[in-house]
Amino acid sequence: MPCWSGSRNGSSGRVTGSDMVKVVTLFLIGMLVLALFGRLRMPGRHRKARCPSCGRPLIGPGPCGCGARG
């Protein structure tokens, strides 16, 4: 059965301020990389499709509810 009270390198297992800064920095860098890959995969998805006749948002490939071809 493992003993969780101590660590292998002799430290007390406490998280110091510099460790927390490292963790937060790595997390933010990871989020930035994920956002960049998301933009590369879907570059044209930022426009909002609206009906030219009534201005309602178009959801899906079908016509608008007002009867106009969207």
PDB file of N, CA and C in Angstrom:
ATOM      1  N   MET A   1       0.848  -1.176   0.000  1.00  0.00           N
ATOM      2  CA  MET A   1       0.000   0.000   0.000  1.00  0.00           C
ATOM      3  C   MET A   1       0.897   1.245   0.000  1.00  0.00           C
ATOM      4  N   PRO A   2       0.651   2.197  -0.887  1.00  0.00           N
ATOM      5  CA  PRO A   2       1.520   3.371  -0.964  1.00  0.00           C
ATOM      6  C   PRO A   2       1.267   4.347   0.177  1.00  0.00           C
ATOM      7  N   CYS A   3       2.305   5.020   0.544  1.00  0.00           N
ATOM      8  CA  CYS A   3       2.212   6.035   1.589  1.00  0.00           C
ATOM      9  C   CYS A   3       2.139   7.404   0.914  1.00  0.00           C
ATOM     10  N   TRP A   4       1.068   8.139   1.083  1.00  0.00           N
ATOM     11  CA  TRP A   4       0.861   9.416   0.397  1.00  0.00           C
ATOM     12  C   TRP A   4       1.303  10.617   1.221  1.00  0.00           C
ATOM     13  N   SER A   5       1.842  10.378   2.407  1.00  0.00           N
ATOM     14  CA  SER A   5       2.157  11.499   3.283  1.00  0.00           C
ATOM     15  C   SER A   5       3.400  12.261   2.849  1.00  0.00           C
ATOM     16  N   GLY A   6       4.331  11.634   2.178  1.00  0.00           N
ATOM     17  CA  GLY A   6       5.562  12.306   1.767  1.00  0.00           C
ATOM     18  C   GLY A   6       5.819  12.108   0.288  1.00  0.00           C
ATOM     19  N   SER A   7       6.837  12.770  -0.221  1.00  0.00           N
ATOM     20  CA  SER A   7       7.175  12.591  -1.619  1.00  0.00           C
ATOM     21  C   SER A   7       8.536  11.922  -1.731  1.00  0.00           C
ATOM     22  N   ARG A   8       8.910  11.524  -2.900  1.00  0.00           N
ATOM     23  CA  ARG A   8      10.149  10.793  -3.109  1.00  0.00           C
ATOM     24  C   ARG A   8      11.377  11.688  -3.030  1.00  0.00           C
ATOM     25  N   ASN A   9      11.243  12.948  -3.391  1.00  0.00           N
ATOM     26  CA  ASN A   9      12.421  13.805  -3.433  1.00  0.00           C
ATOM     27  C   ASN A   9      12.699  14.492  -2.102  1.00  0.00           C
ATOM     28  N   GLY A  10      11.986  14.191  -1.070  1.00  0.00           N
ATOM     29  CA  GLY A  10      12.277  14.728   0.242  1.00  0.00           C
ATOM     30  C   GLY A  10      11.571  16.030   0.566  1.00  0.00           C
ATOM     31  N   SER A  11      10.823  16.612  -0.375  1.00  0.00           N
ATOM     32  CA  SER A  11      10.112  17.847  -0.061  1.00  0.00           C
ATOM     33  C   SER A  11       8.862  17.520   0.755  1.00  0.00           C
ATOM     34  N   SER A  12       8.294  18.525   1.349  1.00  0.00           N
ATOM     35  CA  SER A  12       7.148  18.298   2.230  1.00  0.00           C
ATOM     36  C   SER A  12       5.840  18.144   1.464  1.00  0.00           C
ATOM     37  N   GLY A  13       5.844  18.321   0.160  1.00  0.00           N
ATOM     38  CA  GLY A  13       4.630  18.174  -0.629  1.00  0.00           C
ATOM     39  C   GLY A  13       3.809  19.436  -0.715  1.00  0.00           C
ATOM     40  N   ARG A  14       4.320  20.529  -0.228  1.00  0.00           N
ATOM     41  CA  ARG A  14       3.594  21.793  -0.288  1.00  0.00           C
ATOM     42  C   ARG A  14       3.813  22.465  -1.631  1.00  0.00           C
ATOM     43  N   VAL A  15       2.815  23.193  -2.060  1.00  0.00           N
ATOM     44  CA  VAL A  15       2.897  23.931  -3.317  1.00  0.00           C
ATOM     45  C   VAL A  15       3.348  25.346  -2.994  1.00  0.00           C
ATOM     46  N   THR A  16       4.472  25.731  -3.563  1.00  0.00           N
ATOM     47  CA  THR A  16       4.989  27.077  -3.302  1.00  0.00           C
ATOM     48  C   THR A  16       4.411  28.045  -4.340  1.00  0.00           C
ATOM     49  N   GLY A  17       4.666  29.307  -4.122  1.00  0.00           N
ATOM     50  CA  GLY A  17       4.165  30.324  -5.047  1.00  0.00           C
ATOM     51  C   GLY A  17       4.752  30.193  -6.434  1.00  0.00           C
ATOM     52  N   SER A  18       6.025  29.837  -6.526  1.00  0.00           N
ATOM     53  CA  SER A  18       6.644  29.696  -7.846  1.00  0.00           C
ATOM     54  C   SER A  18       6.077  28.487  -8.591  1.00  0.00           C
ATOM     55  N   ASP A  19       5.736  27.427  -7.843  1.00  0.00           N
ATOM     56  CA  ASP A  19       5.111  26.265  -8.484  1.00  0.00           C
ATOM     57  C   ASP A  19       3.740  26.631  -9.042  1.00  0.00           C
ATOM     58  N   MET A  20       3.002  27.424  -8.299  1.00  0.00           N
ATOM     59  CA  MET A  20       1.669  27.830  -8.749  1.00  0.00           C
ATOM     60  C   MET A  20       1.765  28.701  -9.993  1.00  0.00           C
ATOM     61  N   VAL A  21       2.748  29.584 -10.030  1.00  0.00           N
ATOM     62  CA  VAL A  21       2.947  30.434 -11.214  1.00  0.00           C
ATOM     63  C   VAL A  21       3.284  29.578 -12.425  1.00  0.00           C
ATOM     64  N   LYS A  22       4.091  28.559 -12.241  1.00  0.00           N
ATOM     65  CA  LYS A  22       4.443  27.654 -13.343  1.00  0.00           C
ATOM     66  C   LYS A  22       3.205  26.923 -13.856  1.00  0.00           C
ATOM     67  N   VAL A  23       2.387  26.431 -12.954  1.00  0.00           N
ATOM     68  CA  VAL A  23       1.182  25.690 -13.349  1.00  0.00           C
ATOM     69  C   VAL A  23       0.221  26.596 -14.104  1.00  0.00           C
ATOM     70  N   VAL A  24       0.000  27.805 -13.610  1.00  0.00           N
ATOM     71  CA  VAL A  24      -0.911  28.734 -14.272  1.00  0.00           C
ATOM     72  C   VAL A  24      -0.359  29.136 -15.636  1.00  0.00           C
ATOM     73  N   THR A  25       0.939  29.373 -15.730  1.00  0.00           N
ATOM     74  CA  THR A  25       1.557  29.746 -17.003  1.00  0.00           C
ATOM     75  C   THR A  25       1.419  28.619 -18.025  1.00  0.00           C
ATOM     76  N   LEU A  26       1.697  27.392 -17.612  1.00  0.00           N
ATOM     77  CA  LEU A  26       1.558  26.259 -18.536  1.00  0.00           C
ATOM     78  C   LEU A  26       0.105  26.070 -18.967  1.00  0.00           C
ATOM     79  N   PHE A  27      -0.823  26.282 -18.060  1.00  0.00           N
ATOM     80  CA  PHE A  27      -2.239  26.171 -18.409  1.00  0.00           C
ATOM     81  C   PHE A  27      -2.629  27.219 -19.449  1.00  0.00           C
ATOM     82  N   LEU A  28      -2.197  28.454 -19.251  1.00  0.00           N
ATOM     83  CA  LEU A  28      -2.536  29.517 -20.203  1.00  0.00           C
ATOM     84  C   LEU A  28      -1.887  29.283 -21.562  1.00  0.00           C
ATOM     85  N   ILE A  29      -0.669  28.783 -21.577  1.00  0.00           N
ATOM     86  CA  ILE A  29      -0.004  28.470 -22.844  1.00  0.00           C
ATOM     87  C   ILE A  29      -0.758  27.346 -23.553  1.00  0.00           C
ATOM     88  N   GLY A  30      -1.196  26.351 -22.802  1.00  0.00           N
ATOM     89  CA  GLY A  30      -1.983  25.263 -23.401  1.00  0.00           C
ATOM     90  C   GLY A  30      -3.294  25.767 -23.989  1.00  0.00           C
ATOM     91  N   MET A  31      -3.976  26.662 -23.292  1.00  0.00           N
ATOM     92  CA  MET A  31      -5.218  27.239 -23.815  1.00  0.00           C
ATOM     93  C   MET A  31      -4.959  28.039 -25.088  1.00  0.00           C
ATOM     94  N   LEU A  32      -3.847  28.771 -25.124  1.00  0.00           N
ATOM     95  CA  LEU A  32      -3.493  29.550 -26.307  1.00  0.00           C
ATOM     96  C   LEU A  32      -3.242  28.647 -27.505  1.00  0.00           C
ATOM     97  N   VAL A  33      -2.539  27.546 -27.290  1.00  0.00           N
ATOM     98  CA  VAL A  33      -2.269  26.598 -28.375  1.00  0.00           C
ATOM     99  C   VAL A  33      -3.572  25.985 -28.880  1.00  0.00           C
ATOM    100  N   LEU A  34      -4.474  25.610 -27.979  1.00  0.00           N
ATOM    101  CA  LEU A  34      -5.757  25.051 -28.402  1.00  0.00           C
ATOM    102  C   LEU A  34      -6.577  26.066 -29.198  1.00  0.00           C
ATOM    103  N   ALA A  35      -6.553  27.327 -28.792  1.00  0.00           N
ATOM    104  CA  ALA A  35      -7.293  28.362 -29.520  1.00  0.00           C
ATOM    105  C   ALA A  35      -6.710  28.572 -30.914  1.00  0.00           C
ATOM    106  N   LEU A  36      -5.385  28.547 -31.030  1.00  0.00           N
ATOM    107  CA  LEU A  36      -4.762  28.719 -32.343  1.00  0.00           C
ATOM    108  C   LEU A  36      -5.111  27.559 -33.272  1.00  0.00           C
ATOM    109  N   PHE A  37      -5.087  26.335 -32.757  1.00  0.00           N
ATOM    110  CA  PHE A  37      -5.464  25.189 -33.588  1.00  0.00           C
ATOM    111  C   PHE A  37      -6.934  25.246 -33.970  1.00  0.00           C
ATOM    112  N   GLY A  38      -7.779  25.726 -33.094  1.00  0.00           N
ATOM    113  CA  GLY A  38      -9.200  25.865 -33.427  1.00  0.00           C
ATOM    114  C   GLY A  38      -9.422  26.868 -34.542  1.00  0.00           C
ATOM    115  N   ARG A  39      -8.667  27.958 -34.529  1.00  0.00           N
ATOM    116  CA  ARG A  39      -8.801  28.947 -35.608  1.00  0.00           C
ATOM    117  C   ARG A  39      -8.273  28.409 -36.926  1.00  0.00           C
ATOM    118  N   LEU A  40      -7.232  27.594 -36.881  1.00  0.00           N
ATOM    119  CA  LEU A  40      -6.687  27.029 -38.109  1.00  0.00           C
ATOM    120  C   LEU A  40      -7.644  26.020 -38.732  1.00  0.00           C
ATOM    121  N   ARG A  41      -8.350  25.266 -37.906  1.00  0.00           N
ATOM    122  CA  ARG A  41      -9.263  24.256 -38.426  1.00  0.00           C
ATOM    123  C   ARG A  41     -10.537  24.854 -39.000  1.00  0.00           C
ATOM    124  N   MET A  42     -11.053  25.944 -38.414  1.00  0.00           N
ATOM    125  CA  MET A  42     -12.305  26.541 -38.846  1.00  0.00           C
ATOM    126  C   MET A  42     -12.137  28.043 -39.081  1.00  0.00           C
ATOM    127  N   PRO A  43     -11.429  28.440 -40.139  1.00  0.00           N
ATOM    128  CA  PRO A  43     -11.182  29.877 -40.318  1.00  0.00           C
ATOM    129  C   PRO A  43     -12.408  30.675 -40.745  1.00  0.00           C
ATOM    130  N   GLY A  44     -13.369  30.078 -41.437  1.00  0.00           N
ATOM    131  CA  GLY A  44     -14.502  30.838 -41.956  1.00  0.00           C
ATOM    132  C   GLY A  44     -15.751  30.777 -41.100  1.00  0.00           C
ATOM    133  N   ARG A  45     -15.660  30.298 -39.890  1.00  0.00           N
ATOM    134  CA  ARG A  45     -16.841  30.096 -39.059  1.00  0.00           C
ATOM    135  C   ARG A  45     -17.217  31.323 -38.229  1.00  0.00           C
ATOM    136  N   HIS A  46     -16.555  32.444 -38.413  1.00  0.00           N
ATOM    137  CA  HIS A  46     -16.813  33.592 -37.553  1.00  0.00           C
ATOM    138  C   HIS A  46     -17.940  34.476 -38.046  1.00  0.00           C
ATOM    139  N   ARG A  47     -18.449  34.257 -39.253  1.00  0.00           N
ATOM    140  CA  ARG A  47     -19.531  35.114 -39.741  1.00  0.00           C
ATOM    141  C   ARG A  47     -20.870  34.578 -39.228  1.00  0.00           C
ATOM    142  N   LYS A  48     -21.835  35.455 -39.055  1.00  0.00           N
ATOM    143  CA  LYS A  48     -23.163  35.066 -38.603  1.00  0.00           C
ATOM    144  C   LYS A  48     -24.102  35.101 -39.798  1.00  0.00           C
ATOM    145  N   ALA A  49     -24.761  33.976 -40.072  1.00  0.00           N
ATOM    146  CA  ALA A  49     -25.680  33.887 -41.191  1.00  0.00           C
ATOM    147  C   ALA A  49     -27.031  34.472 -40.789  1.00  0.00           C
ATOM    148  N   ARG A  50     -27.491  35.422 -41.563  1.00  0.00           N
ATOM    149  CA  ARG A  50     -28.792  36.053 -41.307  1.00  0.00           C
ATOM    150  C   ARG A  50     -29.604  36.054 -42.597  1.00  0.00           C
ATOM    151  N   CYS A  51     -30.908  36.036 -42.436  1.00  0.00           N
ATOM    152  CA  CYS A  51     -31.813  36.098 -43.577  1.00  0.00           C
ATOM    153  C   CYS A  51     -31.708  37.497 -44.194  1.00  0.00           C
ATOM    154  N   PRO A  52     -31.515  37.583 -45.511  1.00  0.00           N
ATOM    155  CA  PRO A  52     -31.420  38.904 -46.130  1.00  0.00           C
ATOM    156  C   PRO A  52     -32.747  39.661 -46.132  1.00  0.00           C
ATOM    157  N   SER A  53     -33.847  38.943 -45.960  1.00  0.00           N
ATOM    158  CA  SER A  53     -35.159  39.554 -46.018  1.00  0.00           C
ATOM    159  C   SER A  53     -35.607  40.112 -44.657  1.00  0.00           C
ATOM    160  N   CYS A  54     -35.551  39.250 -43.621  1.00  0.00           N
ATOM    161  CA  CYS A  54     -36.074  39.665 -42.322  1.00  0.00           C
ATOM    162  C   CYS A  54     -34.986  39.891 -41.275  1.00  0.00           C
ATOM    163  N   GLY A  55     -33.786  39.382 -41.493  1.00  0.00           N
ATOM    164  CA  GLY A  55     -32.685  39.591 -40.563  1.00  0.00           C
ATOM    165  C   GLY A  55     -32.573  38.574 -39.450  1.00  0.00           C
ATOM    166  N   ARG A  56     -33.431  37.541 -39.467  1.00  0.00           N
ATOM    167  CA  ARG A  56     -33.346  36.511 -38.433  1.00  0.00           C
ATOM    168  C   ARG A  56     -32.108  35.637 -38.660  1.00  0.00           C
ATOM    169  N   PRO A  57     -31.547  35.094 -37.586  1.00  0.00           N
ATOM    170  CA  PRO A  57     -30.408  34.183 -37.756  1.00  0.00           C
ATOM    171  C   PRO A  57     -30.843  32.900 -38.459  1.00  0.00           C
ATOM    172  N   LEU A  58     -30.036  32.434 -39.403  1.00  0.00           N
ATOM    173  CA  LEU A  58     -30.326  31.198 -40.122  1.00  0.00           C
ATOM    174  C   LEU A  58     -29.631  30.044 -39.423  1.00  0.00           C
ATOM    175  N   ILE A  59     -30.403  29.017 -39.096  1.00  0.00           N
ATOM    176  CA  ILE A  59     -29.864  27.832 -38.460  1.00  0.00           C
ATOM    177  C   ILE A  59     -30.103  26.663 -39.403  1.00  0.00           C
ATOM    178  N   GLY A  60     -29.032  26.069 -39.876  1.00  0.00           N
ATOM    179  CA  GLY A  60     -29.138  24.945 -40.790  1.00  0.00           C
ATOM    180  C   GLY A  60     -29.228  25.394 -42.233  1.00  0.00           C
ATOM    181  N   PRO A  61     -29.304  24.430 -43.161  1.00  0.00           N
ATOM    182  CA  PRO A  61     -29.281  24.765 -44.585  1.00  0.00           C
ATOM    183  C   PRO A  61     -30.647  25.130 -45.177  1.00  0.00           C
ATOM    184  N   GLY A  62     -31.725  24.959 -44.447  1.00  0.00           N
ATOM    185  CA  GLY A  62     -33.063  25.183 -44.981  1.00  0.00           C
ATOM    186  C   GLY A  62     -33.417  26.652 -45.138  1.00  0.00           C
ATOM    187  N   PRO A  63     -34.585  26.909 -45.684  1.00  0.00           N
ATOM    188  CA  PRO A  63     -35.028  28.295 -45.859  1.00  0.00           C
ATOM    189  C   PRO A  63     -35.427  28.939 -44.530  1.00  0.00           C
ATOM    190  N   CYS A  64     -35.553  30.239 -44.540  1.00  0.00           N
ATOM    191  CA  CYS A  64     -35.939  30.996 -43.344  1.00  0.00           C
ATOM    192  C   CYS A  64     -37.423  30.787 -43.056  1.00  0.00           C
ATOM    193  N   GLY A  65     -37.805  31.031 -41.812  1.00  0.00           N
ATOM    194  CA  GLY A  65     -39.199  30.894 -41.411  1.00  0.00           C
ATOM    195  C   GLY A  65     -40.118  31.902 -42.048  1.00  0.00           C
ATOM    196  N   CYS A  66     -39.579  33.024 -42.541  1.00  0.00           N
ATOM    197  CA  CYS A  66     -40.403  34.050 -43.159  1.00  0.00           C
ATOM    198  C   CYS A  66     -40.782  33.693 -44.599  1.00  0.00           C
ATOM    199  N   GLY A  67     -40.197  32.600 -45.112  1.00  0.00           N
ATOM    200  CA  GLY A  67     -40.515  32.158 -46.466  1.00  0.00           C
ATOM    201  C   GLY A  67     -39.499  32.578 -47.508  1.00  0.00           C
ATOM    202  N   ALA A  68     -38.592  33.432 -47.166  1.00  0.00           N
ATOM    203  CA  ALA A  68     -37.561  33.873 -48.107  1.00  0.00           C
ATOM    204  C   ALA A  68     -36.479  32.800 -48.203  1.00  0.00           C
ATOM    205  N   ARG A  69     -35.853  32.723 -49.329  1.00  0.00           N
ATOM    206  CA  ARG A  69     -34.746  31.801 -49.513  1.00  0.00           C
ATOM    207  C   ARG A  69     -33.512  32.404 -48.878  1.00  0.00           C
ATOM    208  N   GLY A  70     -32.922  31.732 -47.893  1.00  0.00           N
ATOM    209  CA  GLY A  70     -31.765  32.258 -47.192  1.00  0.00           C
ATOM    210  C   GLY A  70     -30.513  31.799 -47.709  1.00  0.00           C
TER     211      GLY A  70
END
